[in-house]
Amino acid sequence: MTDQIKIFKAQIARMKEAEKEEDRTIKELKEEAKQAATALKDIRKDRGTEDCELRSKIDQCLKESGIDRAAHHGGDFTGVNCIQLEKRI
């Protein structure tokens, strides 16, 4: 009976150690995710102006050709817009 108790205690000790290691891993992954989110935010902040300018210029050219983004579709092109674009190309 005492041998089984020793075996169980050893298993419990290994399980506790594995749980501690998993907790450390989770903590590290959360920190990495936080750093990645911060880096992504910085990247988006840095490139935001140029992307907006390019999008504005493209929209301006399309608008001059009679093709406008549909506000009721969240600013996406509708099928009608695409057909109009194909006809002008």
PDB file of N, CA and C in Angstrom:
ATOM      1  N   MET A   1       0.807  -1.191   0.000  1.00  0.00           N
ATOM      2  CA  MET A   1       0.000   0.000   0.000  1.00  0.00           C
ATOM      3  C   MET A   1       0.856   1.264   0.000  1.00  0.00           C
ATOM      4  N   THR A   2       1.931   1.258   0.741  1.00  0.00           N
ATOM      5  CA  THR A   2       2.786   2.439   0.790  1.00  0.00           C
ATOM      6  C   THR A   2       3.490   2.677  -0.539  1.00  0.00           C
ATOM      7  N   ASP A   3       3.766   1.611  -1.281  1.00  0.00           N
ATOM      8  CA  ASP A   3       4.381   1.778  -2.602  1.00  0.00           C
ATOM      9  C   ASP A   3       3.437   2.526  -3.545  1.00  0.00           C
ATOM     10  N   GLN A   4       2.159   2.196  -3.482  1.00  0.00           N
ATOM     11  CA  GLN A   4       1.179   2.883  -4.325  1.00  0.00           C
ATOM     12  C   GLN A   4       1.071   4.357  -3.943  1.00  0.00           C
ATOM     13  N   ILE A   5       1.124   4.629  -2.659  1.00  0.00           N
ATOM     14  CA  ILE A   5       1.061   6.018  -2.188  1.00  0.00           C
ATOM     15  C   ILE A   5       2.267   6.785  -2.723  1.00  0.00           C
ATOM     16  N   LYS A   6       3.447   6.171  -2.656  1.00  0.00           N
ATOM     17  CA  LYS A   6       4.663   6.826  -3.172  1.00  0.00           C
ATOM     18  C   LYS A   6       4.536   7.083  -4.669  1.00  0.00           C
ATOM     19  N   ILE A   7       3.999   6.103  -5.383  1.00  0.00           N
ATOM     20  CA  ILE A   7       3.825   6.249  -6.834  1.00  0.00           C
ATOM     21  C   ILE A   7       2.860   7.399  -7.134  1.00  0.00           C
ATOM     22  N   PHE A   8       1.725   7.442  -6.403  1.00  0.00           N
ATOM     23  CA  PHE A   8       0.745   8.503  -6.600  1.00  0.00           C
ATOM     24  C   PHE A   8       1.307   9.876  -6.260  1.00  0.00           C
ATOM     25  N   LYS A   9       2.071   9.938  -5.184  1.00  0.00           N
ATOM     26  CA  LYS A   9       2.688  11.218  -4.799  1.00  0.00           C
ATOM     27  C   LYS A   9       3.671  11.680  -5.868  1.00  0.00           C
ATOM     28  N   ALA A  10       4.418  10.737  -6.425  1.00  0.00           N
ATOM     29  CA  ALA A  10       5.365  11.086  -7.497  1.00  0.00           C
ATOM     30  C   ALA A  10       4.612  11.570  -8.733  1.00  0.00           C
ATOM     31  N   GLN A  11       3.509  10.898  -9.058  1.00  0.00           N
ATOM     32  CA  GLN A  11       2.699  11.323 -10.205  1.00  0.00           C
ATOM     33  C   GLN A  11       2.107  12.708  -9.974  1.00  0.00           C
ATOM     34  N   ILE A  12       1.633  12.945  -8.765  1.00  0.00           N
ATOM     35  CA  ILE A  12       1.072  14.259  -8.434  1.00  0.00           C
ATOM     36  C   ILE A  12       2.141  15.333  -8.552  1.00  0.00           C
ATOM     37  N   ALA A  13       3.336  15.042  -8.066  1.00  0.00           N
ATOM     38  CA  ALA A  13       4.437  16.007  -8.149  1.00  0.00           C
ATOM     39  C   ALA A  13       4.769  16.317  -9.610  1.00  0.00           C
ATOM     40  N   ARG A  14       4.802  15.274 -10.474  1.00  0.00           N
ATOM     41  CA  ARG A  14       5.078  15.490 -11.899  1.00  0.00           C
ATOM     42  C   ARG A  14       3.966  16.313 -12.548  1.00  0.00           C
ATOM     43  N   MET A  15       2.724  16.017 -12.172  1.00  0.00           N
ATOM     44  CA  MET A  15       1.594  16.750 -12.739  1.00  0.00           C
ATOM     45  C   MET A  15       1.624  18.218 -12.320  1.00  0.00           C
ATOM     46  N   LYS A  16       1.972  18.472 -11.052  1.00  0.00           N
ATOM     47  CA  LYS A  16       2.076  19.850 -10.572  1.00  0.00           C
ATOM     48  C   LYS A  16       3.187  20.599 -11.307  1.00  0.00           C
ATOM     49  N   GLU A  17       4.303  19.922 -11.532  1.00  0.00           N
ATOM     50  CA  GLU A  17       5.421  20.541 -12.253  1.00  0.00           C
ATOM     51  C   GLU A  17       5.020  20.825 -13.703  1.00  0.00           C
ATOM     52  N   ALA A  18       4.311  19.893 -14.326  1.00  0.00           N
ATOM     53  CA  ALA A  18       3.837  20.096 -15.698  1.00  0.00           C
ATOM     54  C   ALA A  18       2.856  21.261 -15.758  1.00  0.00           C
ATOM     55  N   GLU A  19       2.007  21.379 -14.740  1.00  0.00           N
ATOM     56  CA  GLU A  19       1.050  22.489 -14.700  1.00  0.00           C
ATOM     57  C   GLU A  19       1.778  23.822 -14.572  1.00  0.00           C
ATOM     58  N   LYS A  20       2.815  23.863 -13.738  1.00  0.00           N
ATOM     59  CA  LYS A  20       3.606  25.089 -13.593  1.00  0.00           C
ATOM     60  C   LYS A  20       4.267  25.460 -14.919  1.00  0.00           C
ATOM     61  N   GLU A  21       4.796  24.468 -15.618  1.00  0.00           N
ATOM     62  CA  GLU A  21       5.439  24.717 -16.919  1.00  0.00           C
ATOM     63  C   GLU A  21       4.419  25.240 -17.921  1.00  0.00           C
ATOM     64  N   GLU A  22       3.229  24.656 -17.928  1.00  0.00           N
ATOM     65  CA  GLU A  22       2.174  25.130 -18.832  1.00  0.00           C
ATOM     66  C   GLU A  22       1.779  26.559 -18.498  1.00  0.00           C
ATOM     67  N   ASP A  23       1.690  26.878 -17.218  1.00  0.00           N
ATOM     68  CA  ASP A  23       1.365  28.242 -16.808  1.00  0.00           C
ATOM     69  C   ASP A  23       2.425  29.231 -17.294  1.00  0.00           C
ATOM     70  N   ARG A  24       3.708  28.824 -17.182  1.00  0.00           N
ATOM     71  CA  ARG A  24       4.788  29.689 -17.673  1.00  0.00           C
ATOM     72  C   ARG A  24       4.682  29.870 -19.191  1.00  0.00           C
ATOM     73  N   THR A  25       4.379  28.787 -19.893  1.00  0.00           N
ATOM     74  CA  THR A  25       4.243  28.851 -21.349  1.00  0.00           C
ATOM     75  C   THR A  25       3.087  29.760 -21.736  1.00  0.00           C
ATOM     76  N   ILE A  26       1.960  29.615 -21.063  1.00  0.00           N
ATOM     77  CA  ILE A  26       0.800  30.465 -21.346  1.00  0.00           C
ATOM     78  C   ILE A  26       1.145  31.928 -21.086  1.00  0.00           C
ATOM     79  N   LYS A  27       1.828  32.186 -20.002  1.00  0.00           N
ATOM     80  CA  LYS A  27       2.223  33.562 -19.665  1.00  0.00           C
ATOM     81  C   LYS A  27       3.133  34.132 -20.757  1.00  0.00           C
ATOM     82  N   GLU A  28       4.096  33.337 -21.217  1.00  0.00           N
ATOM     83  CA  GLU A  28       5.003  33.780 -22.273  1.00  0.00           C
ATOM     84  C   GLU A  28       4.242  34.051 -23.581  1.00  0.00           C
ATOM     85  N   LEU A  29       3.319  33.154 -23.920  1.00  0.00           N
ATOM     86  CA  LEU A  29       2.542  33.333 -25.152  1.00  0.00           C
ATOM     87  C   LEU A  29       1.654  34.569 -25.085  1.00  0.00           C
ATOM     88  N   LYS A  30       1.069  34.815 -23.934  1.00  0.00           N
ATOM     89  CA  LYS A  30       0.249  36.024 -23.772  1.00  0.00           C
ATOM     90  C   LYS A  30       1.104  37.276 -23.944  1.00  0.00           C
ATOM     91  N   GLU A  31       2.301  37.242 -23.399  1.00  0.00           N
ATOM     92  CA  GLU A  31       3.204  38.399 -23.526  1.00  0.00           C
ATOM     93  C   GLU A  31       3.611  38.597 -24.987  1.00  0.00           C
ATOM     94  N   GLU A  32       3.906  37.499 -25.683  1.00  0.00           N
ATOM     95  CA  GLU A  32       4.256  37.594 -27.100  1.00  0.00           C
ATOM     96  C   GLU A  32       3.082  38.125 -27.919  1.00  0.00           C
ATOM     97  N   ALA A  33       1.881  37.679 -27.596  1.00  0.00           N
ATOM     98  CA  ALA A  33       0.692  38.159 -28.308  1.00  0.00           C
ATOM     99  C   ALA A  33       0.496  39.653 -28.063  1.00  0.00           C
ATOM    100  N   LYS A  34       0.742  40.079 -26.850  1.00  0.00           N
ATOM    101  CA  LYS A  34       0.620  41.503 -26.519  1.00  0.00           C
ATOM    102  C   LYS A  34       1.648  42.330 -27.302  1.00  0.00           C
ATOM    103  N   GLN A  35       2.868  41.834 -27.373  1.00  0.00           N
ATOM    104  CA  GLN A  35       3.915  42.531 -28.124  1.00  0.00           C
ATOM    105  C   GLN A  35       3.591  42.556 -29.619  1.00  0.00           C
ATOM    106  N   ALA A  36       3.068  41.454 -30.135  1.00  0.00           N
ATOM    107  CA  ALA A  36       2.703  41.397 -31.550  1.00  0.00           C
ATOM    108  C   ALA A  36       1.568  42.373 -31.850  1.00  0.00           C
ATOM    109  N   ALA A  37       0.604  42.473 -30.959  1.00  0.00           N
ATOM    110  CA  ALA A  37      -0.507  43.410 -31.156  1.00  0.00           C
ATOM    111  C   ALA A  37      -0.003  44.842 -31.157  1.00  0.00           C
ATOM    112  N   THR A  38       0.933  45.148 -30.283  1.00  0.00           N
ATOM    113  CA  THR A  38       1.519  46.485 -30.238  1.00  0.00           C
ATOM    114  C   THR A  38       2.294  46.767 -31.524  1.00  0.00           C
ATOM    115  N   ALA A  39       3.061  45.789 -31.983  1.00  0.00           N
ATOM    116  CA  ALA A  39       3.828  45.962 -33.220  1.00  0.00           C
ATOM    117  C   ALA A  39       2.891  46.160 -34.412  1.00  0.00           C
ATOM    118  N   LEU A  40       1.818  45.388 -34.464  1.00  0.00           N
ATOM    119  CA  LEU A  40       0.845  45.519 -35.553  1.00  0.00           C
ATOM    120  C   LEU A  40       0.200  46.897 -35.530  1.00  0.00           C
ATOM    121  N   LYS A  41      -0.135  47.359 -34.348  1.00  0.00           N
ATOM    122  CA  LYS A  41      -0.730  48.690 -34.211  1.00  0.00           C
ATOM    123  C   LYS A  41       0.229  49.765 -34.730  1.00  0.00           C
ATOM    124  N   ASP A  42       1.514  49.630 -34.388  1.00  0.00           N
ATOM    125  CA  ASP A  42       2.520  50.585 -34.863  1.00  0.00           C
ATOM    126  C   ASP A  42       2.659  50.540 -36.381  1.00  0.00           C
ATOM    127  N   ILE A  43       2.661  49.338 -36.946  1.00  0.00           N
ATOM    128  CA  ILE A  43       2.781  49.189 -38.397  1.00  0.00           C
ATOM    129  C   ILE A  43       1.600  49.838 -39.092  1.00  0.00           C
ATOM    130  N   ARG A  44       0.398  49.566 -38.583  1.00  0.00           N
ATOM    131  CA  ARG A  44      -0.801  50.162 -39.185  1.00  0.00           C
ATOM    132  C   ARG A  44      -0.790  51.674 -39.060  1.00  0.00           C
ATOM    133  N   LYS A  45      -0.285  52.168 -37.946  1.00  0.00           N
ATOM    134  CA  LYS A  45      -0.215  53.612 -37.735  1.00  0.00           C
ATOM    135  C   LYS A  45       0.755  54.249 -38.738  1.00  0.00           C
ATOM    136  N   ASP A  46       1.904  53.598 -38.944  1.00  0.00           N
ATOM    137  CA  ASP A  46       2.917  54.134 -39.853  1.00  0.00           C
ATOM    138  C   ASP A  46       2.472  54.125 -41.304  1.00  0.00           C
ATOM    139  N   ARG A  47       1.772  53.089 -41.734  1.00  0.00           N
ATOM    140  CA  ARG A  47       1.406  52.988 -43.138  1.00  0.00           C
ATOM    141  C   ARG A  47       0.048  53.591 -43.449  1.00  0.00           C
ATOM    142  N   GLY A  48      -0.706  53.914 -42.435  1.00  0.00           N
ATOM    143  CA  GLY A  48      -2.082  54.366 -42.610  1.00  0.00           C
ATOM    144  C   GLY A  48      -2.249  55.526 -43.564  1.00  0.00           C
ATOM    145  N   THR A  49      -1.428  56.530 -43.469  1.00  0.00           N
ATOM    146  CA  THR A  49      -1.562  57.725 -44.294  1.00  0.00           C
ATOM    147  C   THR A  49      -1.367  57.411 -45.766  1.00  0.00           C
ATOM    148  N   GLU A  50      -0.334  56.668 -46.089  1.00  0.00           N
ATOM    149  CA  GLU A  50      -0.058  56.349 -47.488  1.00  0.00           C
ATOM    150  C   GLU A  50      -1.169  55.513 -48.096  1.00  0.00           C
ATOM    151  N   ASP A  51      -1.669  54.528 -47.346  1.00  0.00           N
ATOM    152  CA  ASP A  51      -2.748  53.690 -47.853  1.00  0.00           C
ATOM    153  C   ASP A  51      -4.005  54.505 -48.101  1.00  0.00           C
ATOM    154  N   CYS A  52      -4.289  55.418 -47.198  1.00  0.00           N
ATOM    155  CA  CYS A  52      -5.475  56.259 -47.363  1.00  0.00           C
ATOM    156  C   CYS A  52      -5.332  57.153 -48.591  1.00  0.00           C
ATOM    157  N   GLU A  53      -4.144  57.692 -48.800  1.00  0.00           N
ATOM    158  CA  GLU A  53      -3.925  58.543 -49.968  1.00  0.00           C
ATOM    159  C   GLU A  53      -4.114  57.752 -51.256  1.00  0.00           C
ATOM    160  N   LEU A  54      -3.548  56.569 -51.318  1.00  0.00           N
ATOM    161  CA  LEU A  54      -3.661  55.730 -52.506  1.00  0.00           C
ATOM    162  C   LEU A  54      -5.114  55.360 -52.757  1.00  0.00           C
ATOM    163  N   ARG A  55      -5.806  54.963 -51.719  1.00  0.00           N
ATOM    164  CA  ARG A  55      -7.221  54.605 -51.862  1.00  0.00           C
ATOM    165  C   ARG A  55      -8.027  55.808 -52.342  1.00  0.00           C
ATOM    166  N   SER A  56      -7.730  56.975 -51.800  1.00  0.00           N
ATOM    167  CA  SER A  56      -8.443  58.189 -52.215  1.00  0.00           C
ATOM    168  C   SER A  56      -8.205  58.494 -53.688  1.00  0.00           C
ATOM    169  N   LYS A  57      -6.961  58.332 -54.122  1.00  0.00           N
ATOM    170  CA  LYS A  57      -6.641  58.603 -55.529  1.00  0.00           C
ATOM    171  C   LYS A  57      -7.341  57.611 -56.458  1.00  0.00           C
ATOM    172  N   ILE A  58      -7.362  56.353 -56.052  1.00  0.00           N
ATOM    173  CA  ILE A  58      -8.046  55.340 -56.870  1.00  0.00           C
ATOM    174  C   ILE A  58      -9.539  55.640 -56.918  1.00  0.00           C
ATOM    175  N   ASP A  59     -10.130  55.962 -55.768  1.00  0.00           N
ATOM    176  CA  ASP A  59     -11.555  56.294 -55.732  1.00  0.00           C
ATOM    177  C   ASP A  59     -11.853  57.518 -56.591  1.00  0.00           C
ATOM    178  N   GLN A  60     -10.963  58.493 -56.558  1.00  0.00           N
ATOM    179  CA  GLN A  60     -11.146  59.714 -57.364  1.00  0.00           C
ATOM    180  C   GLN A  60     -11.164  59.365 -58.854  1.00  0.00           C
ATOM    181  N   CYS A  61     -10.221  58.543 -59.291  1.00  0.00           N
ATOM    182  CA  CYS A  61     -10.167  58.139 -60.703  1.00  0.00           C
ATOM    183  C   CYS A  61     -11.419  57.350 -61.094  1.00  0.00           C
ATOM    184  N   LEU A  62     -11.841  56.456 -60.238  1.00  0.00           N
ATOM    185  CA  LEU A  62     -13.031  55.676 -60.541  1.00  0.00           C
ATOM    186  C   LEU A  62     -14.283  56.552 -60.560  1.00  0.00           C
ATOM    187  N   LYS A  63     -14.349  57.483 -59.635  1.00  0.00           N
ATOM    188  CA  LYS A  63     -15.510  58.370 -59.569  1.00  0.00           C
ATOM    189  C   LYS A  63     -15.611  59.219 -60.833  1.00  0.00           C
ATOM    190  N   GLU A  64     -14.467  59.671 -61.327  1.00  0.00           N
ATOM    191  CA  GLU A  64     -14.452  60.456 -62.573  1.00  0.00           C
ATOM    192  C   GLU A  64     -14.954  59.626 -63.751  1.00  0.00           C
ATOM    193  N   SER A  65     -14.816  58.312 -63.644  1.00  0.00           N
ATOM    194  CA  SER A  65     -15.291  57.416 -64.697  1.00  0.00           C
ATOM    195  C   SER A  65     -16.728  56.962 -64.458  1.00  0.00           C
ATOM    196  N   GLY A  66     -17.360  57.514 -63.427  1.00  0.00           N
ATOM    197  CA  GLY A  66     -18.745  57.176 -63.154  1.00  0.00           C
ATOM    198  C   GLY A  66     -18.932  55.943 -62.290  1.00  0.00           C
ATOM    199  N   ILE A  67     -17.872  55.495 -61.650  1.00  0.00           N
ATOM    200  CA  ILE A  67     -17.943  54.308 -60.794  1.00  0.00           C
ATOM    201  C   ILE A  67     -17.732  54.762 -59.356  1.00  0.00           C
ATOM    202  N   ASP A  68     -18.752  54.521 -58.530  1.00  0.00           N
ATOM    203  CA  ASP A  68     -18.707  54.986 -57.152  1.00  0.00           C
ATOM    204  C   ASP A  68     -18.941  53.811 -56.208  1.00  0.00           C
ATOM    205  N   ARG A  69     -18.265  53.838 -55.086  1.00  0.00           N
ATOM    206  CA  ARG A  69     -18.471  52.786 -54.088  1.00  0.00           C
ATOM    207  C   ARG A  69     -19.870  52.944 -53.502  1.00  0.00           C
ATOM    208  N   ALA A  70     -20.553  51.855 -53.326  1.00  0.00           N
ATOM    209  CA  ALA A  70     -21.913  51.893 -52.795  1.00  0.00           C
ATOM    210  C   ALA A  70     -21.881  52.046 -51.280  1.00  0.00           C
ATOM    211  N   ALA A  71     -22.428  53.148 -50.782  1.00  0.00           N
ATOM    212  CA  ALA A  71     -22.442  53.392 -49.342  1.00  0.00           C
ATOM    213  C   ALA A  71     -23.287  52.348 -48.615  1.00  0.00           C
ATOM    214  N   HIS A  72     -24.337  51.896 -49.282  1.00  0.00           N
ATOM    215  CA  HIS A  72     -25.208  50.918 -48.630  1.00  0.00           C
ATOM    216  C   HIS A  72     -24.591  49.518 -48.589  1.00  0.00           C
ATOM    217  N   HIS A  73     -23.432  49.347 -49.186  1.00  0.00           N
ATOM    218  CA  HIS A  73     -22.706  48.069 -49.115  1.00  0.00           C
ATOM    219  C   HIS A  73     -21.404  48.241 -48.339  1.00  0.00           C
ATOM    220  N   GLY A  74     -21.347  49.228 -47.496  1.00  0.00           N
ATOM    221  CA  GLY A  74     -20.163  49.429 -46.662  1.00  0.00           C
ATOM    222  C   GLY A  74     -18.951  49.910 -47.434  1.00  0.00           C
ATOM    223  N   GLY A  75     -19.174  50.579 -48.553  1.00  0.00           N
ATOM    224  CA  GLY A  75     -18.061  51.101 -49.339  1.00  0.00           C
ATOM    225  C   GLY A  75     -17.468  50.106 -50.297  1.00  0.00           C
ATOM    226  N   ASP A  76     -18.095  48.957 -50.452  1.00  0.00           N
ATOM    227  CA  ASP A  76     -17.607  47.949 -51.393  1.00  0.00           C
ATOM    228  C   ASP A  76     -18.186  48.204 -52.778  1.00  0.00           C
ATOM    229  N   PHE A  77     -17.513  47.669 -53.755  1.00  0.00           N
ATOM    230  CA  PHE A  77     -18.043  47.732 -55.108  1.00  0.00           C
ATOM    231  C   PHE A  77     -19.143  46.695 -55.254  1.00  0.00           C
ATOM    232  N   THR A  78     -20.219  47.070 -55.912  1.00  0.00           N
ATOM    233  CA  THR A  78     -21.295  46.125 -56.175  1.00  0.00           C
ATOM    234  C   THR A  78     -21.081  45.524 -57.550  1.00  0.00           C
ATOM    235  N   GLY A  79     -21.916  44.559 -57.892  1.00  0.00           N
ATOM    236  CA  GLY A  79     -21.811  43.929 -59.204  1.00  0.00           C
ATOM    237  C   GLY A  79     -21.977  44.928 -60.330  1.00  0.00           C
ATOM    238  N   VAL A  80     -22.887  45.887 -60.128  1.00  0.00           N
ATOM    239  CA  VAL A  80     -23.114  46.915 -61.143  1.00  0.00           C
ATOM    240  C   VAL A  80     -21.842  47.736 -61.361  1.00  0.00           C
ATOM    241  N   ASN A  81     -21.170  48.084 -60.254  1.00  0.00           N
ATOM    242  CA  ASN A  81     -19.921  48.846 -60.371  1.00  0.00           C
ATOM    243  C   ASN A  81     -18.866  48.069 -61.139  1.00  0.00           C
ATOM    244  N   CYS A  82     -18.766  46.813 -60.863  1.00  0.00           N
ATOM    245  CA  CYS A  82     -17.777  45.972 -61.554  1.00  0.00           C
ATOM    246  C   CYS A  82     -18.075  45.858 -63.031  1.00  0.00           C
ATOM    247  N   ILE A  83     -19.365  45.716 -63.380  1.00  0.00           N
ATOM    248  CA  ILE A  83     -19.742  45.632 -64.795  1.00  0.00           C
ATOM    249  C   ILE A  83     -19.403  46.938 -65.501  1.00  0.00           C
ATOM    250  N   GLN A  84     -19.685  48.070 -64.839  1.00  0.00           N
ATOM    251  CA  GLN A  84     -19.360  49.375 -65.419  1.00  0.00           C
ATOM    252  C   GLN A  84     -17.851  49.490 -65.641  1.00  0.00           C
ATOM    253  N   LEU A  85     -17.081  49.028 -64.699  1.00  0.00           N
ATOM    254  CA  LEU A  85     -15.628  49.078 -64.808  1.00  0.00           C
ATOM    255  C   LEU A  85     -15.152  48.208 -65.970  1.00  0.00           C
ATOM    256  N   GLU A  86     -15.706  47.035 -66.098  1.00  0.00           N
ATOM    257  CA  GLU A  86     -15.311  46.134 -67.197  1.00  0.00           C
ATOM    258  C   GLU A  86     -15.640  46.754 -68.570  1.00  0.00           C
ATOM    259  N   LYS A  87     -16.749  47.427 -68.662  1.00  0.00           N
ATOM    260  CA  LYS A  87     -17.144  48.035 -69.931  1.00  0.00           C
ATOM    261  C   LYS A  87     -16.200  49.166 -70.322  1.00  0.00           C
ATOM    262  N   ARG A  88     -15.623  49.835 -69.334  1.00  0.00           N
ATOM    263  CA  ARG A  88     -14.758  50.981 -69.633  1.00  0.00           C
ATOM    264  C   ARG A  88     -13.305  50.564 -69.900  1.00  0.00           C
ATOM    265  N   ILE A  89     -13.003  49.336 -69.600  1.00  0.00           N
ATOM    266  CA  ILE A  89     -11.621  48.863 -69.804  1.00  0.00           C
ATOM    267  C   ILE A  89     -11.433  48.375 -71.208  1.00  0.00           C
TER     268      ILE A  89
END
